[in-house]
N, C-alpha and C. Protein backbone atom coordinates (compact mmCIF):
# COMPACT_ATOMS: atom_id res chain seq x y z
N MET A 1 131.05 79.99 54.40
CA MET A 1 132.31 79.02 54.71
C MET A 1 132.88 78.42 53.81
N PRO A 2 133.92 77.54 54.68
CA PRO A 2 135.14 77.53 54.21
C PRO A 2 135.28 76.10 52.87
N GLN A 3 136.19 76.43 51.65
CA GLN A 3 136.27 75.50 50.68
C GLN A 3 136.14 74.27 51.31
N ILE A 4 136.10 72.87 50.98
CA ILE A 4 136.28 71.71 50.65
C ILE A 4 137.68 71.54 50.07
N LEU A 5 138.59 71.16 50.01
CA LEU A 5 139.69 70.69 48.63
C LEU A 5 140.31 69.29 49.25
N ILE A 6 140.13 68.96 48.04
CA ILE A 6 141.04 67.63 48.61
C ILE A 6 141.81 67.23 47.15
N HIS A 7 143.14 66.62 47.80
CA HIS A 7 144.32 66.42 46.95
C HIS A 7 144.23 64.79 46.41
N GLY A 8 144.83 64.64 46.37
CA GLY A 8 145.46 63.36 45.88
C GLY A 8 144.85 62.25 45.23
N LEU A 9 143.73 62.67 44.37
CA LEU A 9 142.29 61.87 43.71
C LEU A 9 143.32 61.01 42.79
N THR A 10 143.01 59.87 42.85
CA THR A 10 143.74 58.94 42.03
C THR A 10 143.19 57.98 40.98
N ASN A 11 141.55 58.67 40.77
CA ASN A 11 140.96 57.87 40.09
C ASN A 11 139.84 58.47 39.44
N GLN A 12 138.70 58.36 38.52
CA GLN A 12 137.82 58.86 38.03
C GLN A 12 136.36 58.82 39.00
N THR A 13 136.41 57.55 39.83
CA THR A 13 135.23 56.96 40.27
C THR A 13 135.55 57.74 41.67
N ASP A 14 136.40 57.83 42.08
CA ASP A 14 136.48 59.09 43.84
C ASP A 14 136.20 60.45 43.14
N ALA A 15 136.88 60.77 41.97
CA ALA A 15 136.95 61.97 41.59
C ALA A 15 135.40 62.56 41.68
N LEU A 16 134.27 61.68 40.84
CA LEU A 16 133.62 62.47 40.46
C LEU A 16 132.30 62.02 42.14
N ALA A 17 132.60 61.45 42.91
CA ALA A 17 131.61 60.61 43.89
C ALA A 17 132.20 62.41 44.92
N ALA A 18 133.22 62.34 44.80
CA ALA A 18 133.80 63.92 46.15
C ALA A 18 133.10 65.26 45.37
N ALA A 19 133.07 65.22 44.04
CA ALA A 19 132.64 66.32 43.27
C ALA A 19 131.28 66.37 43.99
N ARG A 20 130.58 64.96 43.39
CA ARG A 20 129.01 65.09 43.53
C ARG A 20 128.43 64.98 45.10
N LEU A 21 129.29 65.20 46.16
CA LEU A 21 129.11 65.09 47.75
C LEU A 21 129.29 66.31 48.13
N GLY A 22 130.06 67.54 47.07
CA GLY A 22 130.32 68.62 47.55
C GLY A 22 131.81 69.16 48.29
N ALA A 23 132.91 68.61 47.31
CA ALA A 23 133.68 69.60 47.37
C ALA A 23 134.14 70.62 46.39
N ASP A 24 134.72 71.09 46.73
CA ASP A 24 134.81 72.38 46.18
C ASP A 24 135.71 72.32 45.12
N GLY A 25 137.04 71.72 45.70
CA GLY A 25 137.84 71.70 44.87
C GLY A 25 138.93 70.22 44.89
N LEU A 26 139.46 69.79 43.58
CA LEU A 26 140.17 68.32 43.61
C LEU A 26 141.56 68.61 43.04
N GLY A 27 142.64 67.90 43.97
CA GLY A 27 143.88 68.09 43.22
C GLY A 27 144.42 67.02 42.65
N PHE A 28 145.39 66.76 42.13
CA PHE A 28 145.88 65.93 41.10
C PHE A 28 147.94 66.19 41.49
N HIS A 29 148.49 64.97 41.77
CA HIS A 29 149.69 65.02 41.82
C HIS A 29 150.08 64.72 40.64
N LEU A 30 150.99 65.10 40.46
CA LEU A 30 151.76 64.84 38.83
C LEU A 30 153.44 64.74 39.10
N ASP A 31 153.48 63.93 40.23
CA ASP A 31 155.31 63.97 40.97
C ASP A 31 155.20 62.63 40.98
N GLN A 32 155.91 61.67 39.83
CA GLN A 32 156.07 60.41 39.95
C GLN A 32 156.13 60.19 41.33
N ASN A 33 157.41 60.75 42.46
CA ASN A 33 157.84 60.37 43.40
C ASN A 33 156.70 60.39 44.18
N ASP A 34 155.18 61.08 44.22
CA ASP A 34 154.49 60.52 45.39
C ASP A 34 153.90 59.72 45.58
N THR A 35 153.19 59.37 46.82
CA THR A 35 152.45 57.85 46.92
C THR A 35 151.63 58.06 46.04
N ARG A 36 150.61 59.26 46.02
CA ARG A 36 149.36 59.43 45.05
C ARG A 36 149.77 60.20 43.64
N TYR A 37 150.65 60.04 43.15
CA TYR A 37 151.03 59.99 41.43
C TYR A 37 150.01 59.34 40.89
N ILE A 38 149.67 60.50 39.62
CA ILE A 38 148.54 60.33 38.84
C ILE A 38 149.12 60.57 37.01
N GLU A 39 148.79 59.30 36.06
CA GLU A 39 149.35 60.34 35.35
C GLU A 39 148.44 61.27 34.41
N TYR A 40 149.60 61.80 33.84
CA TYR A 40 148.58 62.94 33.09
C TYR A 40 147.47 63.20 32.27
N THR A 41 147.58 61.84 31.88
CA THR A 41 146.53 61.76 30.48
C THR A 41 145.29 60.85 31.05
N LEU A 42 145.20 59.97 32.60
CA LEU A 42 144.37 60.15 33.27
C LEU A 42 143.64 61.29 33.87
N ALA A 43 144.41 62.16 34.69
CA ALA A 43 143.73 63.50 35.05
C ALA A 43 143.32 64.77 34.06
N ARG A 44 143.60 64.46 33.06
CA ARG A 44 143.18 65.13 31.67
C ARG A 44 141.83 64.51 31.72
N ASN A 45 141.47 63.26 31.46
CA ASN A 45 140.22 62.28 31.25
C ASN A 45 139.19 62.81 32.73
N ILE A 46 139.95 62.61 33.57
CA ILE A 46 139.13 63.11 35.01
C ILE A 46 138.60 64.26 34.59
N ARG A 47 139.44 65.53 34.72
CA ARG A 47 138.89 66.70 34.45
C ARG A 47 137.80 66.78 33.16
N ASN A 48 137.46 66.48 32.30
CA ASN A 48 137.00 66.96 31.14
C ASN A 48 135.59 66.43 31.72
N GLU A 49 135.28 65.42 32.95
CA GLU A 49 134.02 64.49 33.36
C GLU A 49 133.57 65.42 34.19
N LEU A 50 134.45 66.39 34.90
CA LEU A 50 134.32 67.19 36.15
C LEU A 50 132.97 68.90 36.09
N PRO A 51 132.45 68.38 36.75
CA PRO A 51 132.03 69.75 36.40
C PRO A 51 132.27 71.29 36.52
N ASN A 52 132.22 72.30 35.52
CA ASN A 52 132.99 73.48 36.12
C ASN A 52 132.67 74.22 37.13
N THR A 53 132.05 73.77 38.14
CA THR A 53 132.10 74.28 39.08
C THR A 53 133.20 74.04 40.44
N VAL A 54 133.73 72.87 39.86
CA VAL A 54 134.31 72.34 41.07
C VAL A 54 135.77 72.31 39.94
N GLN A 55 136.91 73.05 41.27
CA GLN A 55 137.75 73.87 40.76
C GLN A 55 138.99 72.59 40.57
N VAL A 56 140.01 72.30 39.60
CA VAL A 56 141.27 71.67 39.40
C VAL A 56 142.61 72.21 40.19
N PHE A 57 142.99 71.89 40.74
CA PHE A 57 144.56 72.04 41.09
C PHE A 57 145.37 70.87 41.12
N VAL A 58 146.87 71.21 40.61
CA VAL A 58 147.74 70.26 40.31
C VAL A 58 148.82 70.78 41.10
N GLN A 59 149.99 69.66 40.99
CA GLN A 59 150.98 69.67 41.93
C GLN A 59 151.94 68.66 41.07
N SER A 60 152.69 69.66 39.94
CA SER A 60 153.21 69.38 39.43
C SER A 60 154.73 68.55 39.88
N ASP A 61 156.38 67.85 38.80
CA ASP A 61 157.21 67.28 39.83
C ASP A 61 158.34 68.39 39.40
N HIS A 62 158.15 68.96 38.46
CA HIS A 62 159.34 70.51 37.97
C HIS A 62 158.51 72.03 37.73
N TYR A 63 158.86 72.53 37.68
CA TYR A 63 158.58 74.45 37.28
C TYR A 63 158.81 74.93 36.30
N ASP A 64 159.39 74.17 34.84
CA ASP A 64 159.65 74.82 33.76
C ASP A 64 158.33 75.49 33.28
N TYR A 65 158.29 76.82 32.59
CA TYR A 65 157.48 77.70 32.49
C TYR A 65 156.70 77.10 31.19
N ALA A 66 157.13 76.60 29.96
CA ALA A 66 156.79 76.13 29.28
C ALA A 66 155.81 74.95 29.62
N TYR A 67 156.34 74.10 29.97
CA TYR A 67 155.77 72.93 30.30
C TYR A 67 154.55 73.07 31.40
N LEU A 68 154.75 74.18 32.45
CA LEU A 68 153.60 74.56 33.43
C LEU A 68 152.44 75.23 32.54
N ARG A 69 152.83 75.82 31.45
CA ARG A 69 152.02 76.49 30.59
C ARG A 69 150.95 75.68 30.01
N ASP A 70 151.57 74.94 29.38
CA ASP A 70 150.89 73.39 28.79
C ASP A 70 149.87 72.32 29.84
N LEU A 71 150.91 73.14 30.78
CA LEU A 71 150.11 71.20 31.92
C LEU A 71 148.53 71.53 32.26
N THR A 72 148.70 73.33 32.77
CA THR A 72 147.47 73.97 33.22
C THR A 72 146.76 74.24 32.25
N THR A 73 147.13 74.55 31.34
CA THR A 73 145.83 75.42 30.10
C THR A 73 145.28 73.72 29.54
N LYS A 74 146.30 72.81 29.61
CA LYS A 74 145.58 71.32 29.24
C LYS A 74 144.41 70.44 30.03
N LEU A 75 145.11 71.14 31.26
CA LEU A 75 143.98 69.98 32.38
C LEU A 75 143.19 71.29 32.67
N LYS A 76 142.75 72.79 32.36
CA LYS A 76 141.68 73.79 32.56
C LYS A 76 142.01 73.75 34.05
N ALA A 77 143.45 74.28 34.56
CA ALA A 77 143.55 73.88 36.04
C ALA A 77 143.15 75.06 36.35
N GLY A 78 142.50 75.12 37.54
CA GLY A 78 142.04 76.83 38.34
C GLY A 78 143.43 76.90 39.17
N SER A 79 144.10 76.21 39.62
CA SER A 79 145.41 76.66 40.86
C SER A 79 146.28 75.43 40.49
N LEU A 80 147.44 76.15 40.86
CA LEU A 80 148.99 75.11 40.28
C LEU A 80 149.51 75.42 42.02
N LEU A 81 150.05 74.38 42.58
CA LEU A 81 150.70 73.93 43.70
C LEU A 81 152.01 74.26 43.56
N LEU A 82 152.22 75.89 44.18
CA LEU A 82 153.79 75.85 44.18
C LEU A 82 154.51 76.02 45.47
N PRO A 83 156.18 75.54 45.83
CA PRO A 83 156.28 75.48 47.01
C PRO A 83 157.01 76.95 47.07
N ALA A 84 157.09 77.36 47.72
CA ALA A 84 157.05 79.12 47.52
C ALA A 84 158.87 79.40 47.47
N ALA A 85 159.36 78.53 47.82
CA ALA A 85 160.47 78.21 47.15
C ALA A 85 161.29 78.51 45.51
N ALA A 86 159.98 77.78 45.01
CA ALA A 86 160.51 77.60 43.78
C ALA A 86 159.65 78.39 42.83
N PHE A 87 158.67 80.28 43.68
CA PHE A 87 158.39 80.98 42.73
C PHE A 87 159.55 82.01 41.47
N ALA A 88 159.03 82.57 40.62
CA ALA A 88 159.46 82.66 39.79
C ALA A 88 158.20 84.15 39.02
N GLU A 89 159.24 84.95 38.78
CA GLU A 89 158.05 86.05 39.11
C GLU A 89 157.30 85.55 37.50
N ARG A 90 158.09 84.92 36.51
CA ARG A 90 157.19 84.52 34.92
C ARG A 90 156.41 83.58 35.04
N LEU A 91 156.15 82.96 36.90
CA LEU A 91 155.11 81.87 36.66
C LEU A 91 153.86 82.76 37.11
N THR A 92 153.85 83.74 37.38
CA THR A 92 152.42 84.48 37.80
C THR A 92 151.98 84.65 36.15
N THR A 93 152.18 84.43 34.92
CA THR A 93 151.57 84.82 33.92
C THR A 93 151.15 83.61 33.97
N LEU A 94 151.51 82.13 34.11
CA LEU A 94 150.23 80.84 33.59
C LEU A 94 148.73 81.32 34.05
N PRO A 95 148.24 80.87 32.59
CA PRO A 95 146.90 80.61 32.65
C PRO A 95 145.67 80.24 33.75
N CYS A 96 146.27 80.27 35.49
CA CYS A 96 145.66 79.62 36.49
C CYS A 96 146.12 80.46 37.82
N THR A 97 145.90 80.20 38.50
CA THR A 97 146.69 81.11 40.04
C THR A 97 147.08 80.08 40.67
N LEU A 98 148.11 80.89 41.24
CA LEU A 98 149.49 80.00 42.04
C LEU A 98 149.11 79.86 43.33
N THR A 99 148.88 79.02 43.78
CA THR A 99 148.53 78.45 45.69
C THR A 99 150.04 78.02 46.19
N TYR A 100 150.60 78.56 47.04
CA TYR A 100 152.17 78.60 47.39
C TYR A 100 151.76 77.61 48.23
N LEU A 101 152.72 76.80 48.72
CA LEU A 101 153.01 75.87 49.32
C LEU A 101 154.29 76.01 50.88
N GLY A 102 154.51 76.59 51.65
CA GLY A 102 155.55 76.91 52.88
C GLY A 102 155.28 77.56 53.95
N THR A 103 156.48 77.26 55.18
CA THR A 103 155.96 78.00 56.91
C THR A 103 155.60 78.77 56.26
N ARG A 104 155.05 78.92 57.75
CA ARG A 104 154.76 80.77 57.93
C ARG A 104 155.54 82.00 57.84
N THR A 105 157.03 81.47 57.73
CA THR A 105 157.64 82.44 57.35
C THR A 105 157.80 82.78 55.91
N GLU A 106 157.78 81.49 55.00
CA GLU A 106 158.20 81.58 54.17
C GLU A 106 157.13 82.26 53.13
N LEU A 107 156.18 82.34 53.45
CA LEU A 107 154.80 82.49 53.01
C LEU A 107 154.70 84.18 53.42
N ALA A 108 155.19 84.57 54.67
CA ALA A 108 155.27 85.93 54.74
C ALA A 108 155.99 86.78 54.01
N GLU A 109 157.66 85.44 54.31
CA GLU A 109 158.50 86.53 53.16
C GLU A 109 158.08 86.90 52.03
N LEU A 110 157.48 85.93 51.51
CA LEU A 110 156.92 86.04 49.72
C LEU A 110 156.03 87.04 49.12
N ALA A 111 154.94 87.11 50.52
CA ALA A 111 154.00 87.72 50.41
C ALA A 111 154.67 89.42 50.88
N ALA A 112 155.89 90.04 51.77
CA ALA A 112 155.89 90.87 51.47
C ALA A 112 157.17 91.25 49.95
N ARG A 113 157.67 90.08 49.09
CA ARG A 113 158.45 90.64 48.38
C ARG A 113 157.33 90.69 47.10
N LEU A 114 156.09 90.48 47.14
CA LEU A 114 155.31 90.48 46.01
C LEU A 114 154.34 91.91 46.13
N ASN A 115 154.17 92.15 47.87
CA ASN A 115 153.18 93.18 48.00
C ASN A 115 151.88 93.01 48.11
N ARG A 116 151.44 91.26 48.06
CA ARG A 116 150.10 91.44 47.48
C ARG A 116 149.68 89.89 48.11
N PRO A 117 147.97 89.83 48.92
CA PRO A 117 148.12 88.81 49.18
C PRO A 117 148.35 87.55 48.37
N LEU A 118 148.24 86.20 49.16
CA LEU A 118 147.89 85.39 48.64
C LEU A 118 147.43 84.26 48.76
N THR A 119 147.37 82.89 47.41
CA THR A 119 146.90 82.08 48.08
C THR A 119 147.40 80.83 48.05
N ALA A 120 147.42 80.09 50.22
CA ALA A 120 148.83 79.76 49.99
C ALA A 120 148.13 78.16 51.29
N ILE A 121 149.19 77.70 51.31
CA ILE A 121 148.66 76.17 52.18
C ILE A 121 150.08 76.19 53.19
N PRO A 122 150.26 76.47 54.61
CA PRO A 122 151.22 76.47 55.47
C PRO A 122 151.43 74.64 55.65
N THR A 123 152.63 74.84 55.57
CA THR A 123 153.33 73.30 55.62
C THR A 123 153.65 72.68 57.07
N ASP A 124 153.64 74.01 57.86
CA ASP A 124 154.23 73.95 59.20
C ASP A 124 153.49 73.55 60.82
N VAL A 125 152.27 73.58 60.22
CA VAL A 125 151.27 73.01 60.84
C VAL A 125 149.86 72.50 60.17
N THR A 126 148.74 72.00 61.20
CA THR A 126 147.40 71.69 60.53
C THR A 126 146.39 72.49 61.40
N LEU A 127 145.30 72.16 60.94
CA LEU A 127 144.16 72.34 61.57
C LEU A 127 144.07 72.44 63.45
N SER A 128 144.35 70.89 63.65
CA SER A 128 144.63 70.53 64.88
C SER A 128 145.60 71.38 66.01
N GLU A 129 146.54 71.57 65.12
CA GLU A 129 147.85 72.22 65.47
C GLU A 129 147.84 73.88 66.26
N LEU A 130 146.98 74.28 65.24
CA LEU A 130 146.67 75.35 65.17
C LEU A 130 145.49 75.86 66.50
N ILE A 131 144.62 75.09 66.62
CA ILE A 131 143.71 75.59 67.59
C ILE A 131 144.24 75.25 68.92
N ARG A 132 145.29 74.22 69.23
CA ARG A 132 146.09 73.89 70.20
C ARG A 132 147.02 74.94 70.83
N LEU A 133 147.30 76.07 69.99
CA LEU A 133 148.50 77.42 70.05
C LEU A 133 147.48 78.16 71.42
N PRO A 134 148.85 77.96 72.28
CA PRO A 134 148.82 79.23 73.13
C PRO A 134 148.36 80.73 72.29
N ASP A 135 147.42 81.62 73.06
CA ASP A 135 147.15 82.65 72.07
C ASP A 135 148.24 83.68 71.54
N ALA A 136 149.30 83.66 72.36
CA ALA A 136 150.67 84.46 72.38
C ALA A 136 151.13 83.85 70.46
N GLU A 137 150.69 82.52 70.97
CA GLU A 137 151.46 81.75 69.13
C GLU A 137 150.48 81.99 67.92
N MET A 138 149.26 81.88 68.66
CA MET A 138 147.77 82.13 67.76
C MET A 138 148.60 83.32 66.64
N GLN A 139 148.22 84.50 67.51
CA GLN A 139 147.63 85.64 66.82
C GLN A 139 148.90 85.86 65.37
N PRO A 140 149.60 85.48 65.29
CA PRO A 140 150.57 85.59 63.91
C PRO A 140 150.04 84.68 62.81
N TRP A 141 149.13 84.08 63.39
CA TRP A 141 148.45 83.13 62.20
C TRP A 141 147.35 83.74 61.94
N LYS A 142 146.65 84.13 62.91
CA LYS A 142 145.20 84.54 62.64
C LYS A 142 145.33 86.12 61.84
N ALA A 143 146.80 87.05 62.35
CA ALA A 143 146.84 88.20 61.34
C ALA A 143 147.38 87.43 59.62
N LEU A 144 148.11 86.49 59.61
CA LEU A 144 148.28 86.05 58.17
C LEU A 144 146.96 85.55 57.55
N ASN A 145 146.22 84.57 58.42
CA ASN A 145 144.88 84.45 57.99
C ASN A 145 144.02 85.47 57.36
N GLN A 146 144.17 86.63 57.96
CA GLN A 146 143.17 87.94 57.78
C GLN A 146 143.55 88.68 56.46
N GLN A 147 145.16 88.60 56.25
CA GLN A 147 145.63 89.39 55.32
C GLN A 147 145.70 88.56 53.92
N HIS A 148 145.34 87.12 53.58
CA HIS A 148 145.85 86.08 52.62
C HIS A 148 144.78 85.01 52.71
N HIS A 149 144.57 84.36 52.06
CA HIS A 149 143.75 83.14 51.25
C HIS A 149 144.60 82.47 51.92
N LEU A 150 144.29 81.67 53.13
CA LEU A 150 145.01 80.36 53.82
C LEU A 150 143.82 79.31 53.77
N LEU A 151 144.83 78.14 53.25
CA LEU A 151 144.18 76.79 52.70
C LEU A 151 144.89 75.44 54.38
N ILE A 152 144.23 75.84 54.98
CA ILE A 152 145.03 74.74 56.65
C ILE A 152 144.36 73.31 56.50
N ARG A 153 145.34 73.03 55.90
CA ARG A 153 145.15 70.85 56.22
C ARG A 153 144.56 70.61 57.39
N CYS A 154 143.31 69.95 57.03
CA CYS A 154 142.57 69.71 58.37
C CYS A 154 143.09 68.23 58.49
N ASP A 155 143.21 67.46 60.03
CA ASP A 155 143.00 66.73 60.78
C ASP A 155 142.20 66.44 61.94
N VAL A 156 141.61 67.69 61.56
CA VAL A 156 140.07 67.17 62.93
C VAL A 156 139.06 66.33 62.26
N PRO A 157 139.06 65.83 62.99
CA PRO A 157 137.46 64.74 62.85
C PRO A 157 136.46 65.52 62.48
N PRO A 158 135.08 64.76 61.41
CA PRO A 158 134.34 65.67 61.27
C PRO A 158 133.55 66.61 62.64
N ASP A 159 133.56 65.56 63.51
CA ASP A 159 132.38 65.65 64.70
C ASP A 159 133.10 66.56 65.83
N GLU A 160 134.62 67.06 65.51
CA GLU A 160 135.15 67.69 66.09
C GLU A 160 135.49 69.08 65.60
N LEU A 161 134.71 69.29 64.41
CA LEU A 161 134.66 70.34 63.13
C LEU A 161 134.47 71.14 63.27
N PRO A 162 133.03 72.23 63.96
CA PRO A 162 132.40 72.93 64.69
C PRO A 162 133.52 73.88 65.72
N ASP A 163 134.03 73.01 66.74
CA ASP A 163 134.39 73.44 67.53
C ASP A 163 135.76 74.06 67.37
N ALA A 164 136.34 73.67 66.66
CA ALA A 164 137.61 73.80 65.88
C ALA A 164 137.50 74.83 65.35
N LEU A 165 136.55 75.18 64.37
CA LEU A 165 135.99 76.81 63.68
C LEU A 165 135.96 77.84 63.81
N ALA A 166 135.10 77.24 65.82
CA ALA A 166 134.67 78.43 66.32
C ALA A 166 136.42 79.07 67.12
N ILE A 167 137.40 78.41 66.95
CA ILE A 167 138.67 79.29 67.27
C ILE A 167 139.74 79.26 65.82
N PHE A 168 139.64 78.77 65.16
CA PHE A 168 140.22 79.03 63.90
C PHE A 168 139.89 78.97 63.13
N ARG A 169 138.70 79.99 61.55
CA ARG A 169 138.78 79.60 60.15
C ARG A 169 139.14 80.62 59.38
N PRO A 170 139.61 79.11 58.76
CA PRO A 170 140.26 79.89 57.35
C PRO A 170 139.61 79.45 56.23
N PRO A 171 139.73 80.08 54.74
CA PRO A 171 139.27 80.08 53.90
C PRO A 171 138.60 78.76 53.35
N GLY A 172 139.95 77.63 53.65
CA GLY A 172 139.56 76.80 53.04
C GLY A 172 139.94 75.57 53.56
N LEU A 173 139.64 74.42 54.14
CA LEU A 173 140.17 73.24 54.58
C LEU A 173 140.98 72.29 53.30
N PHE A 174 142.08 72.07 53.90
CA PHE A 174 142.91 71.38 52.45
C PHE A 174 142.95 69.98 53.03
N PHE A 175 142.53 68.92 51.91
CA PHE A 175 142.77 67.46 52.72
C PHE A 175 143.70 66.91 51.76
N ASP A 176 144.53 66.43 52.52
CA ASP A 176 145.73 65.62 51.74
C ASP A 176 145.81 63.96 51.92
N SER A 177 144.96 63.73 53.20
CA SER A 177 144.70 62.18 53.61
C SER A 177 144.08 61.98 54.56
N GLY A 178 143.17 63.28 54.68
CA GLY A 178 142.36 63.18 56.17
C GLY A 178 140.96 62.29 55.32
N THR A 179 140.35 62.70 54.10
CA THR A 179 139.38 62.21 53.67
C THR A 179 139.11 60.72 53.03
N GLU A 180 140.66 59.93 53.12
CA GLU A 180 141.11 58.85 52.50
C GLU A 180 140.56 57.54 53.55
N SER A 181 140.53 56.21 52.98
CA SER A 181 139.88 55.33 53.53
C SER A 181 141.71 54.35 53.43
N HIS A 182 142.25 54.58 52.35
CA HIS A 182 143.87 53.79 52.21
C HIS A 182 144.13 55.03 51.10
N PRO A 183 145.72 55.08 50.94
CA PRO A 183 146.65 56.21 50.59
C PRO A 183 145.93 56.31 48.88
N GLY A 184 145.30 57.10 48.55
CA GLY A 184 144.48 57.24 47.06
C GLY A 184 143.88 57.16 47.20
N LEU A 185 142.74 56.79 48.06
CA LEU A 185 141.36 55.83 47.36
C LEU A 185 140.50 56.37 48.70
N GLN A 186 139.30 57.17 48.28
CA GLN A 186 138.45 58.22 49.54
C GLN A 186 137.25 57.51 49.68
N ASP A 187 137.11 58.16 50.84
CA ASP A 187 136.07 57.56 52.24
C ASP A 187 134.99 58.42 51.56
N TYR A 188 134.17 58.15 51.15
CA TYR A 188 133.04 58.60 50.84
C TYR A 188 132.35 59.46 52.29
N PRO A 189 131.40 58.38 52.79
CA PRO A 189 131.13 58.54 54.03
C PRO A 189 131.52 59.40 55.04
N ARG A 190 132.92 59.45 55.15
CA ARG A 190 133.60 60.73 55.14
C ARG A 190 134.13 62.48 54.89
N ILE A 191 133.74 62.30 53.44
CA ILE A 191 133.96 63.34 52.79
C ILE A 191 132.37 63.86 53.11
N GLN A 192 131.36 63.01 53.48
CA GLN A 192 130.10 63.40 53.68
C GLN A 192 129.71 63.90 55.26
N ALA A 193 130.70 63.60 55.95
CA ALA A 193 130.37 63.76 57.22
C ALA A 193 131.12 65.13 57.64
N TYR A 194 132.02 65.56 56.80
CA TYR A 194 132.80 67.14 56.55
C TYR A 194 132.17 68.12 56.01
N VAL A 195 131.18 67.28 55.01
CA VAL A 195 130.30 68.85 54.17
C VAL A 195 129.06 68.90 55.43
N GLN A 196 128.68 67.85 55.95
CA GLN A 196 127.25 68.14 56.62
C GLN A 196 128.00 68.86 57.72
N ALA A 197 129.26 68.65 58.46
CA ALA A 197 129.82 69.40 59.56
C ALA A 197 129.72 70.67 59.12
N LEU A 198 130.33 71.14 58.34
CA LEU A 198 130.03 72.54 57.84
C LEU A 198 128.83 73.13 57.56
N GLY A 199 127.91 72.78 57.13
CA GLY A 199 126.64 73.24 56.15
C GLY A 199 126.22 73.32 57.90
N GLN A 200 126.23 72.47 59.03
CA GLN A 200 125.95 72.94 60.30
C GLN A 200 126.48 73.85 61.19
N VAL A 201 127.49 73.85 60.98
CA VAL A 201 127.61 75.20 61.47
C VAL A 201 127.44 76.13 60.88
N PHE A 202 127.20 76.48 59.97
CA PHE A 202 127.06 77.60 59.02
C PHE A 202 125.56 78.19 58.78
N SER A 203 124.84 76.71 59.02
CA SER A 203 123.37 77.20 58.97
C SER A 203 122.97 78.15 60.12
N ARG A 204 124.06 77.83 61.63
CA ARG A 204 123.57 78.43 62.39
C ARG A 204 123.99 80.60 62.58
N VAL A 205 124.91 81.04 61.62
CA VAL A 205 124.87 81.62 61.58
C VAL A 205 124.27 82.81 61.36
């Protein structure tokens, strides 16, 4: 069953509720230029309250190795979101997984350079756009999905999710606004609806 990963948490109440409702991973923006920016100390306090079964991922504002090592260690982050263009070999020694952000071309080029599978979030397509592609344009995406751990940005309503996943099934659904009532504030019934929709799909399999 695809994981549900919710990015842009800004407060403890939302983070704990999302975890309780069934989110597999929660993410924090530590870039002050982002509308969902969260101060590091608050992110750390929230992380300390979360169950260990919930993966935490972070998106930083810069990519200095020493800073990122300190950040990911203290936040007990399972993954660091990293633009494909910011890749540096030394970052692969950080105590977390690297999840790359980039276009399909950028991700394919990085995978070829590293000669190993990637965990990645495509920035040039959403789930609703993917399922509407003609078959010829869909095939390169399906090939990328088979070779790597793709987390696709989900903008499909919960009631349409079963039909969407029948067309394209990624390992993870990435939400950076689709579960919000307002920017940075989570809509709990919507999270629950996505979890239930996934449960219904996979209970039939």
